[in-house]
Amino acid sequence: MNKKMSIFTNGILKENPLLVLNIGLCSSLGITTSIFNGLGMGMGMTFVLVMSELVISIFRKHIPSAVRLPIFIVIIAAFTTIVQLVLKAYVPSLFDALGVFLPLIVVNCIIMGRVEAFASKNTVGDSVLDALGMGLGYTAVLVCISLVRELFGAGTLLDGTALKLELIPAEYRIGVLNSAPGGFIVFGCLGALVQAVRQGVAGKKVLAEKKAILDAHAEKRRIEEEKAAEEKKRLEEAKRLAAEKAAAAKSAAENPEKEGEK
């Protein structure tokens, strides 16, 4: 169970594809001008990733190594096409907003990296968990970037939906966040925050390990001192008994008649 949970959470926390591995950045900076776009891209990417890892893991023992990459690309392209057709038919506004970044899912480093490094070498269950974790981690970062850029750049939330909210007046908006440099700025701040948290956790772990080592040395020293004290007490007791015996023998030698009477 712990192994399964570790595989699932790996892509969300430890090896987040965007904030930790820094791969698949084009879409994260290009389409994250609204939560609607970020969530749509994340869900589409997660679907393609899960289905690609599922299929490739099922047939991993039957895919020739020499042609595995072309086969991987064909499988990924098939599911990307499904996402494109579904969005074009049912959510045309999102299809238009994602633009060229939607077909570029085919060559996204996250998907290619996971199917090559994980799905082609692991079981179906583990591959699906890995894909879900990576997809959720990717989507969460897209939504966070989109939230900041949309709220402070456009002054709205959920633009492109019926739930659109106007929250910040135009004169208080940070217009640069709607541009490409704004995407880099927000991404850089999130990356710095994650690294600060990771370093803080790592620092606490190092301190805990040092404390454990010091406590182990202190306990070892205490045990050695207790043994030394016991040994010293035993030697003193042995000396006392030897002194008593010597005194008794001396007394007996000095008073032989009394000893005989006794």
C-alpha atoms as a PDB file:
ATOM      1  CA  MET A   1       0.000   0.000   0.000  1.00  0.00           C
ATOM      2  CA  ASN A   2       2.808   2.414   0.877  1.00  0.00           C
ATOM      3  CA  LYS A   3       4.488   1.694  -2.463  1.00  0.00           C
ATOM      4  CA  LYS A   4       1.278   2.440  -4.371  1.00  0.00           C
ATOM      5  CA  MET A   5       0.764   5.692  -2.484  1.00  0.00           C
ATOM      6  CA  SER A   6       4.380   6.659  -3.106  1.00  0.00           C
ATOM      7  CA  ILE A   7       3.960   6.107  -6.865  1.00  0.00           C
ATOM      8  CA  PHE A   8       0.773   8.206  -6.888  1.00  0.00           C
ATOM      9  CA  THR A   9       2.115  11.128  -4.826  1.00  0.00           C
ATOM     10  CA  ASN A  10       5.486  11.145  -6.592  1.00  0.00           C
ATOM     11  CA  GLY A  11       4.228  13.259  -9.488  1.00  0.00           C
ATOM     12  CA  ILE A  12       2.267  15.585  -7.228  1.00  0.00           C
ATOM     13  CA  LEU A  13       5.024  16.444  -4.775  1.00  0.00           C
ATOM     14  CA  LYS A  14       8.468  14.891  -5.061  1.00  0.00           C
ATOM     15  CA  GLU A  15       8.802  14.903  -8.858  1.00  0.00           C
ATOM     16  CA  ASN A  16       6.227  17.440  -9.975  1.00  0.00           C
ATOM     17  CA  PRO A  17       6.796  17.706 -13.746  1.00  0.00           C
ATOM     18  CA  LEU A  18       6.651  21.510 -13.826  1.00  0.00           C
ATOM     19  CA  LEU A  19       8.000  22.838 -10.539  1.00  0.00           C
ATOM     20  CA  VAL A  20      10.587  20.135  -9.812  1.00  0.00           C
ATOM     21  CA  LEU A  21      11.523  18.466 -13.110  1.00  0.00           C
ATOM     22  CA  ASN A  22      10.907  21.631 -15.166  1.00  0.00           C
ATOM     23  CA  ILE A  23       9.609  19.801 -18.245  1.00  0.00           C
ATOM     24  CA  GLY A  24       6.564  20.552 -20.391  1.00  0.00           C
ATOM     25  CA  LEU A  25       6.855  24.279 -19.682  1.00  0.00           C
ATOM     26  CA  CYS A  26       5.580  25.629 -23.025  1.00  0.00           C
ATOM     27  CA  SER A  27       1.909  24.904 -22.336  1.00  0.00           C
ATOM     28  CA  SER A  28       2.184  25.971 -18.700  1.00  0.00           C
ATOM     29  CA  LEU A  29       3.300  29.449 -19.772  1.00  0.00           C
ATOM     30  CA  GLY A  30       1.315  29.761 -22.985  1.00  0.00           C
ATOM     31  CA  ILE A  31      -2.255  28.951 -21.959  1.00  0.00           C
ATOM     32  CA  THR A  32      -2.419  29.829 -18.253  1.00  0.00           C
ATOM     33  CA  THR A  33      -4.113  33.196 -18.683  1.00  0.00           C
ATOM     34  CA  SER A  34      -7.346  31.865 -17.152  1.00  0.00           C
ATOM     35  CA  ILE A  35      -8.389  29.071 -14.802  1.00  0.00           C
ATOM     36  CA  PHE A  36     -10.710  27.720 -17.499  1.00  0.00           C
ATOM     37  CA  ASN A  37      -7.804  27.278 -19.904  1.00  0.00           C
ATOM     38  CA  GLY A  38      -5.456  25.827 -17.284  1.00  0.00           C
ATOM     39  CA  LEU A  39      -8.011  23.332 -15.997  1.00  0.00           C
ATOM     40  CA  GLY A  40      -8.997  22.288 -19.513  1.00  0.00           C
ATOM     41  CA  MET A  41      -5.387  21.770 -20.567  1.00  0.00           C
ATOM     42  CA  GLY A  42      -4.624  19.852 -17.386  1.00  0.00           C
ATOM     43  CA  MET A  43      -7.595  17.530 -17.793  1.00  0.00           C
ATOM     44  CA  GLY A  44      -6.797  16.889 -21.458  1.00  0.00           C
ATOM     45  CA  MET A  45      -3.176  16.194 -20.646  1.00  0.00           C
ATOM     46  CA  THR A  46      -4.122  13.874 -17.777  1.00  0.00           C
ATOM     47  CA  PHE A  47      -6.483  11.886 -20.022  1.00  0.00           C
ATOM     48  CA  VAL A  48      -3.824  11.420 -22.701  1.00  0.00           C
ATOM     49  CA  LEU A  49      -1.188  10.529 -20.099  1.00  0.00           C
ATOM     50  CA  VAL A  50      -3.369   7.962 -18.295  1.00  0.00           C
ATOM     51  CA  MET A  51      -4.586   6.262 -21.465  1.00  0.00           C
ATOM     52  CA  SER A  52      -1.133   6.241 -23.085  1.00  0.00           C
ATOM     53  CA  GLU A  53       0.550   4.730 -20.022  1.00  0.00           C
ATOM     54  CA  LEU A  54      -2.290   2.205 -19.703  1.00  0.00           C
ATOM     55  CA  VAL A  55      -2.037   0.969 -23.293  1.00  0.00           C
ATOM     56  CA  ILE A  56       1.761   0.984 -23.412  1.00  0.00           C
ATOM     57  CA  SER A  57       2.004  -0.868 -20.096  1.00  0.00           C
ATOM     58  CA  ILE A  58      -0.422  -3.544 -21.348  1.00  0.00           C
ATOM     59  CA  PHE A  59       1.598  -4.159 -24.511  1.00  0.00           C
ATOM     60  CA  ARG A  60       5.053  -3.369 -23.083  1.00  0.00           C
ATOM     61  CA  LYS A  61       6.306  -6.936 -23.572  1.00  0.00           C
ATOM     62  CA  HIS A  62       5.172  -7.015 -27.202  1.00  0.00           C
ATOM     63  CA  ILE A  63       6.573  -3.673 -28.390  1.00  0.00           C
ATOM     64  CA  PRO A  64       9.938  -4.127 -30.180  1.00  0.00           C
ATOM     65  CA  SER A  65      12.631  -2.043 -28.558  1.00  0.00           C
ATOM     66  CA  ALA A  66      13.981  -0.794 -31.885  1.00  0.00           C
ATOM     67  CA  VAL A  67      10.698   0.906 -32.853  1.00  0.00           C
ATOM     68  CA  ARG A  68       9.267   1.692 -29.432  1.00  0.00           C
ATOM     69  CA  LEU A  69       9.456   5.499 -29.767  1.00  0.00           C
ATOM     70  CA  PRO A  70       7.451   5.690 -33.042  1.00  0.00           C
ATOM     71  CA  ILE A  71       4.876   3.349 -31.506  1.00  0.00           C
ATOM     72  CA  PHE A  72       4.687   5.500 -28.369  1.00  0.00           C
ATOM     73  CA  ILE A  73       4.130   8.616 -30.483  1.00  0.00           C
ATOM     74  CA  VAL A  74       1.355   6.945 -32.517  1.00  0.00           C
ATOM     75  CA  ILE A  75      -0.439   5.868 -29.324  1.00  0.00           C
ATOM     76  CA  ILE A  76      -0.107   9.326 -27.756  1.00  0.00           C
ATOM     77  CA  ALA A  77      -1.246  10.985 -30.998  1.00  0.00           C
ATOM     78  CA  ALA A  78      -4.353   8.795 -31.103  1.00  0.00           C
ATOM     79  CA  PHE A  79      -5.514   9.901 -27.650  1.00  0.00           C
ATOM     80  CA  THR A  80      -4.538  13.517 -28.333  1.00  0.00           C
ATOM     81  CA  THR A  81      -6.738  13.434 -31.426  1.00  0.00           C
ATOM     82  CA  ILE A  82      -9.631  12.135 -29.311  1.00  0.00           C
ATOM     83  CA  VAL A  83      -9.201  15.095 -26.919  1.00  0.00           C
ATOM     84  CA  GLN A  84      -9.077  17.540 -29.831  1.00  0.00           C
ATOM     85  CA  LEU A  85     -12.239  16.172 -31.452  1.00  0.00           C
ATOM     86  CA  VAL A  86     -14.156  16.126 -28.159  1.00  0.00           C
ATOM     87  CA  LEU A  87     -13.192  19.702 -27.290  1.00  0.00           C
ATOM     88  CA  LYS A  88     -13.933  20.936 -30.803  1.00  0.00           C
ATOM     89  CA  ALA A  89     -17.374  19.329 -30.710  1.00  0.00           C
ATOM     90  CA  TYR A  90     -18.468  20.136 -27.155  1.00  0.00           C
ATOM     91  CA  VAL A  91     -16.243  22.970 -25.843  1.00  0.00           C
ATOM     92  CA  PRO A  92     -15.241  24.997 -28.900  1.00  0.00           C
ATOM     93  CA  SER A  93     -14.264  28.049 -26.821  1.00  0.00           C
ATOM     94  CA  LEU A  94     -11.682  25.984 -24.952  1.00  0.00           C
ATOM     95  CA  PHE A  95     -10.526  24.371 -28.201  1.00  0.00           C
ATOM     96  CA  ASP A  96      -9.904  27.819 -29.689  1.00  0.00           C
ATOM     97  CA  ALA A  97      -8.215  29.124 -26.518  1.00  0.00           C
ATOM     98  CA  LEU A  98      -5.738  26.230 -26.304  1.00  0.00           C
ATOM     99  CA  GLY A  99      -4.892  26.583 -29.973  1.00  0.00           C
ATOM    100  CA  VAL A 100      -1.630  24.999 -31.085  1.00  0.00           C
ATOM    101  CA  PHE A 101      -0.769  23.800 -27.582  1.00  0.00           C
ATOM    102  CA  LEU A 102      -3.457  21.109 -27.808  1.00  0.00           C
ATOM    103  CA  PRO A 103      -1.915  19.097 -30.684  1.00  0.00           C
ATOM    104  CA  LEU A 104       1.516  19.692 -29.147  1.00  0.00           C
ATOM    105  CA  ILE A 105       0.490  17.309 -26.351  1.00  0.00           C
ATOM    106  CA  VAL A 106       1.748  14.592 -28.706  1.00  0.00           C
ATOM    107  CA  VAL A 107       5.368  15.641 -28.190  1.00  0.00           C
ATOM    108  CA  ASN A 108       5.050  16.882 -24.618  1.00  0.00           C
ATOM    109  CA  CYS A 109       8.134  15.885 -22.626  1.00  0.00           C
ATOM    110  CA  ILE A 110       6.037  14.805 -19.634  1.00  0.00           C
ATOM    111  CA  ILE A 111       4.111  12.149 -21.560  1.00  0.00           C
ATOM    112  CA  MET A 112       7.084  10.934 -23.590  1.00  0.00           C
ATOM    113  CA  GLY A 113       9.224  10.786 -20.472  1.00  0.00           C
ATOM    114  CA  ARG A 114       6.715   8.834 -18.381  1.00  0.00           C
ATOM    115  CA  VAL A 115       5.806   6.256 -21.037  1.00  0.00           C
ATOM    116  CA  GLU A 116       9.498   5.641 -21.735  1.00  0.00           C
ATOM    117  CA  ALA A 117      10.778   5.706 -18.152  1.00  0.00           C
ATOM    118  CA  PHE A 118       7.827   4.151 -16.317  1.00  0.00           C
ATOM    119  CA  ALA A 119       4.952   2.646 -18.327  1.00  0.00           C
ATOM    120  CA  SER A 120       7.223   0.582 -20.569  1.00  0.00           C
ATOM    121  CA  LYS A 121       8.828  -1.047 -17.524  1.00  0.00           C
ATOM    122  CA  ASN A 122       6.044  -1.388 -14.921  1.00  0.00           C
ATOM    123  CA  THR A 123       2.675  -3.052 -14.380  1.00  0.00           C
ATOM    124  CA  VAL A 124      -0.639  -1.616 -15.551  1.00  0.00           C
ATOM    125  CA  GLY A 125      -1.784  -0.642 -12.054  1.00  0.00           C
ATOM    126  CA  ASP A 126       1.433   1.162 -11.197  1.00  0.00           C
ATOM    127  CA  SER A 127       1.464   2.912 -14.573  1.00  0.00           C
ATOM    128  CA  VAL A 128      -2.081   4.232 -14.096  1.00  0.00           C
ATOM    129  CA  LEU A 129      -1.215   5.499 -10.597  1.00  0.00           C
ATOM    130  CA  ASP A 130       1.913   7.178 -11.959  1.00  0.00           C
ATOM    131  CA  ALA A 131      -0.065   8.826 -14.762  1.00  0.00           C
ATOM    132  CA  LEU A 132      -2.776  10.049 -12.390  1.00  0.00           C
ATOM    133  CA  GLY A 133      -0.199  11.510  -9.999  1.00  0.00           C
ATOM    134  CA  MET A 134       1.728  13.240 -12.770  1.00  0.00           C
ATOM    135  CA  GLY A 135      -1.482  14.520 -14.348  1.00  0.00           C
ATOM    136  CA  LEU A 136      -2.851  15.882 -11.081  1.00  0.00           C
ATOM    137  CA  GLY A 137       0.484  17.526 -10.253  1.00  0.00           C
ATOM    138  CA  TYR A 138       0.596  19.118 -13.700  1.00  0.00           C
ATOM    139  CA  THR A 139      -3.025  20.284 -13.488  1.00  0.00           C
ATOM    140  CA  ALA A 140      -2.612  21.705  -9.985  1.00  0.00           C
ATOM    141  CA  VAL A 141       0.338  23.854 -11.066  1.00  0.00           C
ATOM    142  CA  LEU A 142      -1.514  25.064 -14.184  1.00  0.00           C
ATOM    143  CA  VAL A 143      -4.503  26.075 -12.063  1.00  0.00           C
ATOM    144  CA  CYS A 144      -2.284  27.897  -9.549  1.00  0.00           C
ATOM    145  CA  ILE A 145      -0.482  29.843 -12.284  1.00  0.00           C
ATOM    146  CA  SER A 146      -3.789  30.568 -14.025  1.00  0.00           C
ATOM    147  CA  LEU A 147      -5.386  31.754 -10.784  1.00  0.00           C
ATOM    148  CA  VAL A 148      -2.663  34.307 -10.116  1.00  0.00           C
ATOM    149  CA  ARG A 149      -2.440  35.542 -13.719  1.00  0.00           C
ATOM    150  CA  GLU A 150      -6.191  35.791 -14.232  1.00  0.00           C
ATOM    151  CA  LEU A 151      -6.991  37.362 -10.864  1.00  0.00           C
ATOM    152  CA  PHE A 152      -4.228  39.969 -10.757  1.00  0.00           C
ATOM    153  CA  GLY A 153      -3.718  40.377 -14.509  1.00  0.00           C
ATOM    154  CA  ALA A 154      -7.288  40.447 -15.813  1.00  0.00           C
ATOM    155  CA  GLY A 155      -9.099  41.095 -12.534  1.00  0.00           C
ATOM    156  CA  THR A 156     -11.480  38.196 -13.129  1.00  0.00           C
ATOM    157  CA  LEU A 157     -12.022  34.579 -12.155  1.00  0.00           C
ATOM    158  CA  LEU A 158     -13.450  31.769 -14.301  1.00  0.00           C
ATOM    159  CA  ASP A 159     -13.346  33.838 -17.468  1.00  0.00           C
ATOM    160  CA  GLY A 160     -14.810  31.877 -20.383  1.00  0.00           C
ATOM    161  CA  THR A 161     -17.552  30.308 -18.259  1.00  0.00           C
ATOM    162  CA  ALA A 162     -21.016  31.325 -17.108  1.00  0.00           C
ATOM    163  CA  LEU A 163     -19.562  31.827 -13.602  1.00  0.00           C
ATOM    164  CA  LYS A 164     -17.220  34.670 -14.583  1.00  0.00           C
ATOM    165  CA  LEU A 165     -16.498  37.090 -11.738  1.00  0.00           C
ATOM    166  CA  GLU A 166     -15.168  40.657 -12.035  1.00  0.00           C
ATOM    167  CA  LEU A 167     -13.155  41.219  -8.861  1.00  0.00           C
ATOM    168  CA  ILE A 168     -10.456  43.847  -9.458  1.00  0.00           C
ATOM    169  CA  PRO A 169     -11.065  47.201 -11.201  1.00  0.00           C
ATOM    170  CA  ALA A 170      -9.064  47.833 -14.369  1.00  0.00           C
ATOM    171  CA  GLU A 171      -6.865  50.524 -12.786  1.00  0.00           C
ATOM    172  CA  TYR A 172      -5.573  48.086 -10.139  1.00  0.00           C
ATOM    173  CA  ARG A 173      -4.732  45.188 -12.453  1.00  0.00           C
ATOM    174  CA  ILE A 174      -1.170  44.088 -13.231  1.00  0.00           C
ATOM    175  CA  GLY A 175      -1.309  43.972 -17.009  1.00  0.00           C
ATOM    176  CA  VAL A 176       2.088  42.347 -17.469  1.00  0.00           C
ATOM    177  CA  LEU A 177       0.724  39.112 -15.974  1.00  0.00           C
ATOM    178  CA  ASN A 178      -1.377  38.635 -19.111  1.00  0.00           C
ATOM    179  CA  SER A 179       1.743  38.557 -21.276  1.00  0.00           C
ATOM    180  CA  ALA A 180       4.469  35.934 -21.715  1.00  0.00           C
ATOM    181  CA  PRO A 181       6.836  37.651 -19.234  1.00  0.00           C
ATOM    182  CA  GLY A 182       4.031  37.506 -16.656  1.00  0.00           C
ATOM    183  CA  GLY A 183       3.863  33.750 -17.079  1.00  0.00           C
ATOM    184  CA  PHE A 184       7.596  33.477 -16.436  1.00  0.00           C
ATOM    185  CA  ILE A 185       7.320  35.724 -13.373  1.00  0.00           C
ATOM    186  CA  VAL A 186       4.493  33.720 -11.777  1.00  0.00           C
ATOM    187  CA  PHE A 187       6.129  30.401 -12.634  1.00  0.00           C
ATOM    188  CA  GLY A 188       9.438  31.598 -11.187  1.00  0.00           C
ATOM    189  CA  CYS A 189       7.772  32.706  -7.948  1.00  0.00           C
ATOM    190  CA  LEU A 190       5.968  29.373  -7.572  1.00  0.00           C
ATOM    191  CA  GLY A 191       9.185  27.489  -8.322  1.00  0.00           C
ATOM    192  CA  ALA A 192      11.083  29.545  -5.742  1.00  0.00           C
ATOM    193  CA  LEU A 193       8.365  28.910  -3.158  1.00  0.00           C
ATOM    194  CA  VAL A 194       8.466  25.155  -3.779  1.00  0.00           C
ATOM    195  CA  GLN A 195      12.258  25.081  -3.571  1.00  0.00           C
ATOM    196  CA  ALA A 196      12.174  27.078  -0.323  1.00  0.00           C
ATOM    197  CA  VAL A 197       9.715  24.592   1.172  1.00  0.00           C
ATOM    198  CA  ARG A 198      11.779  21.631  -0.058  1.00  0.00           C
ATOM    199  CA  GLN A 199      14.970  23.104   1.386  1.00  0.00           C
ATOM    200  CA  GLY A 200      13.206  23.832   4.662  1.00  0.00           C
ATOM    201  CA  VAL A 201      11.941  20.265   4.892  1.00  0.00           C
ATOM    202  CA  ALA A 202      15.376  18.921   3.932  1.00  0.00           C
ATOM    203  CA  GLY A 203      16.995  21.165   6.564  1.00  0.00           C
ATOM    204  CA  LYS A 204      14.621  19.900   9.249  1.00  0.00           C
ATOM    205  CA  LYS A 205      15.357  16.344   8.174  1.00  0.00           C
ATOM    206  CA  VAL A 206      19.118  16.956   8.438  1.00  0.00           C
ATOM    207  CA  LEU A 207      18.671  18.523  11.884  1.00  0.00           C
ATOM    208  CA  ALA A 208      16.538  15.571  12.971  1.00  0.00           C
ATOM    209  CA  GLU A 209      19.202  13.138  11.740  1.00  0.00           C
ATOM    210  CA  LYS A 210      21.936  15.067  13.566  1.00  0.00           C
ATOM    211  CA  LYS A 211      19.827  15.096  16.726  1.00  0.00           C
ATOM    212  CA  ALA A 212      19.248  11.361  16.415  1.00  0.00           C
ATOM    213  CA  ILE A 213      23.014  10.786  16.026  1.00  0.00           C
ATOM    214  CA  LEU A 214      23.790  13.002  19.031  1.00  0.00           C
ATOM    215  CA  ASP A 215      21.100  11.260  21.086  1.00  0.00           C
ATOM    216  CA  ALA A 216      22.541   7.877  20.103  1.00  0.00           C
ATOM    217  CA  HIS A 217      26.048   8.992  21.159  1.00  0.00           C
ATOM    218  CA  ALA A 218      24.676  10.389  24.421  1.00  0.00           C
ATOM    219  CA  GLU A 219      22.829   7.156  25.135  1.00  0.00           C
ATOM    220  CA  LYS A 220      25.942   5.130  24.336  1.00  0.00           C
ATOM    221  CA  ARG A 221      27.999   7.366  26.642  1.00  0.00           C
ATOM    222  CA  ARG A 222      25.385   7.009  29.414  1.00  0.00           C
ATOM    223  CA  ILE A 223      25.425   3.224  29.104  1.00  0.00           C
ATOM    224  CA  GLU A 224      29.237   3.197  29.188  1.00  0.00           C
ATOM    225  CA  GLU A 225      29.255   5.445  32.265  1.00  0.00           C
ATOM    226  CA  GLU A 226      26.708   3.202  33.999  1.00  0.00           C
ATOM    227  CA  LYS A 227      28.830   0.143  33.214  1.00  0.00           C
ATOM    228  CA  ALA A 228      31.952   1.944  34.479  1.00  0.00           C
ATOM    229  CA  ALA A 229      30.138   2.948  37.678  1.00  0.00           C
ATOM    230  CA  GLU A 230      28.931  -0.617  38.230  1.00  0.00           C
ATOM    231  CA  GLU A 231      32.439  -1.961  37.608  1.00  0.00           C
ATOM    232  CA  LYS A 232      33.904   0.575  40.033  1.00  0.00           C
ATOM    233  CA  LYS A 233      31.298  -0.353  42.642  1.00  0.00           C
ATOM    234  CA  ARG A 234      32.047  -4.059  42.142  1.00  0.00           C
ATOM    235  CA  LEU A 235      35.794  -3.459  42.562  1.00  0.00           C
ATOM    236  CA  GLU A 236      35.220  -1.399  45.695  1.00  0.00           C
ATOM    237  CA  GLU A 237      32.989  -4.143  47.115  1.00  0.00           C
ATOM    238  CA  ALA A 238      35.622  -6.746  46.295  1.00  0.00           C
ATOM    239  CA  LYS A 239      38.305  -4.608  48.018  1.00  0.00           C
ATOM    240  CA  ARG A 240      36.101  -4.171  51.062  1.00  0.00           C
ATOM    241  CA  LEU A 241      35.499  -7.923  51.353  1.00  0.00           C
ATOM    242  CA  ALA A 242      39.212  -8.605  50.874  1.00  0.00           C
ATOM    243  CA  ALA A 243      40.055  -6.068  53.579  1.00  0.00           C
ATOM    244  CA  GLU A 244      37.542  -7.649  55.969  1.00  0.00           C
ATOM    245  CA  LYS A 245      38.995 -11.109  55.330  1.00  0.00           C
ATOM    246  CA  ALA A 246      42.534  -9.814  55.848  1.00  0.00           C
ATOM    247  CA  ALA A 247      41.500  -8.108  59.094  1.00  0.00           C
ATOM    248  CA  ALA A 248      39.814 -11.291  60.296  1.00  0.00           C
ATOM    249  CA  ALA A 249      42.874 -13.389  59.427  1.00  0.00           C
ATOM    250  CA  LYS A 250      45.182 -10.932  61.220  1.00  0.00           C
ATOM    251  CA  SER A 251      42.955 -10.937  64.264  1.00  0.00           C
ATOM    252  CA  ALA A 252      42.981 -14.721  64.316  1.00  0.00           C
ATOM    253  CA  ALA A 253      46.778 -14.814  64.054  1.00  0.00           C
ATOM    254  CA  GLU A 254      47.208 -12.339  66.921  1.00  0.00           C
ATOM    255  CA  ASN A 255      44.815 -14.180  69.294  1.00  0.00           C
ATOM    256  CA  PRO A 256      45.347 -17.908  68.600  1.00  0.00           C
ATOM    257  CA  GLU A 257      44.264 -18.934  72.114  1.00  0.00           C
ATOM    258  CA  LYS A 258      40.928 -17.189  71.873  1.00  0.00           C
ATOM    259  CA  GLU A 259      40.394 -18.760  68.515  1.00  0.00           C
ATOM    260  CA  GLY A 260      41.175 -22.174  70.003  1.00  0.00           C
ATOM    261  CA  GLU A 261      38.722 -21.641  72.823  1.00  0.00           C
ATOM    262  CA  LYS A 262      36.093 -20.739  70.376  1.00  0.00           C
END
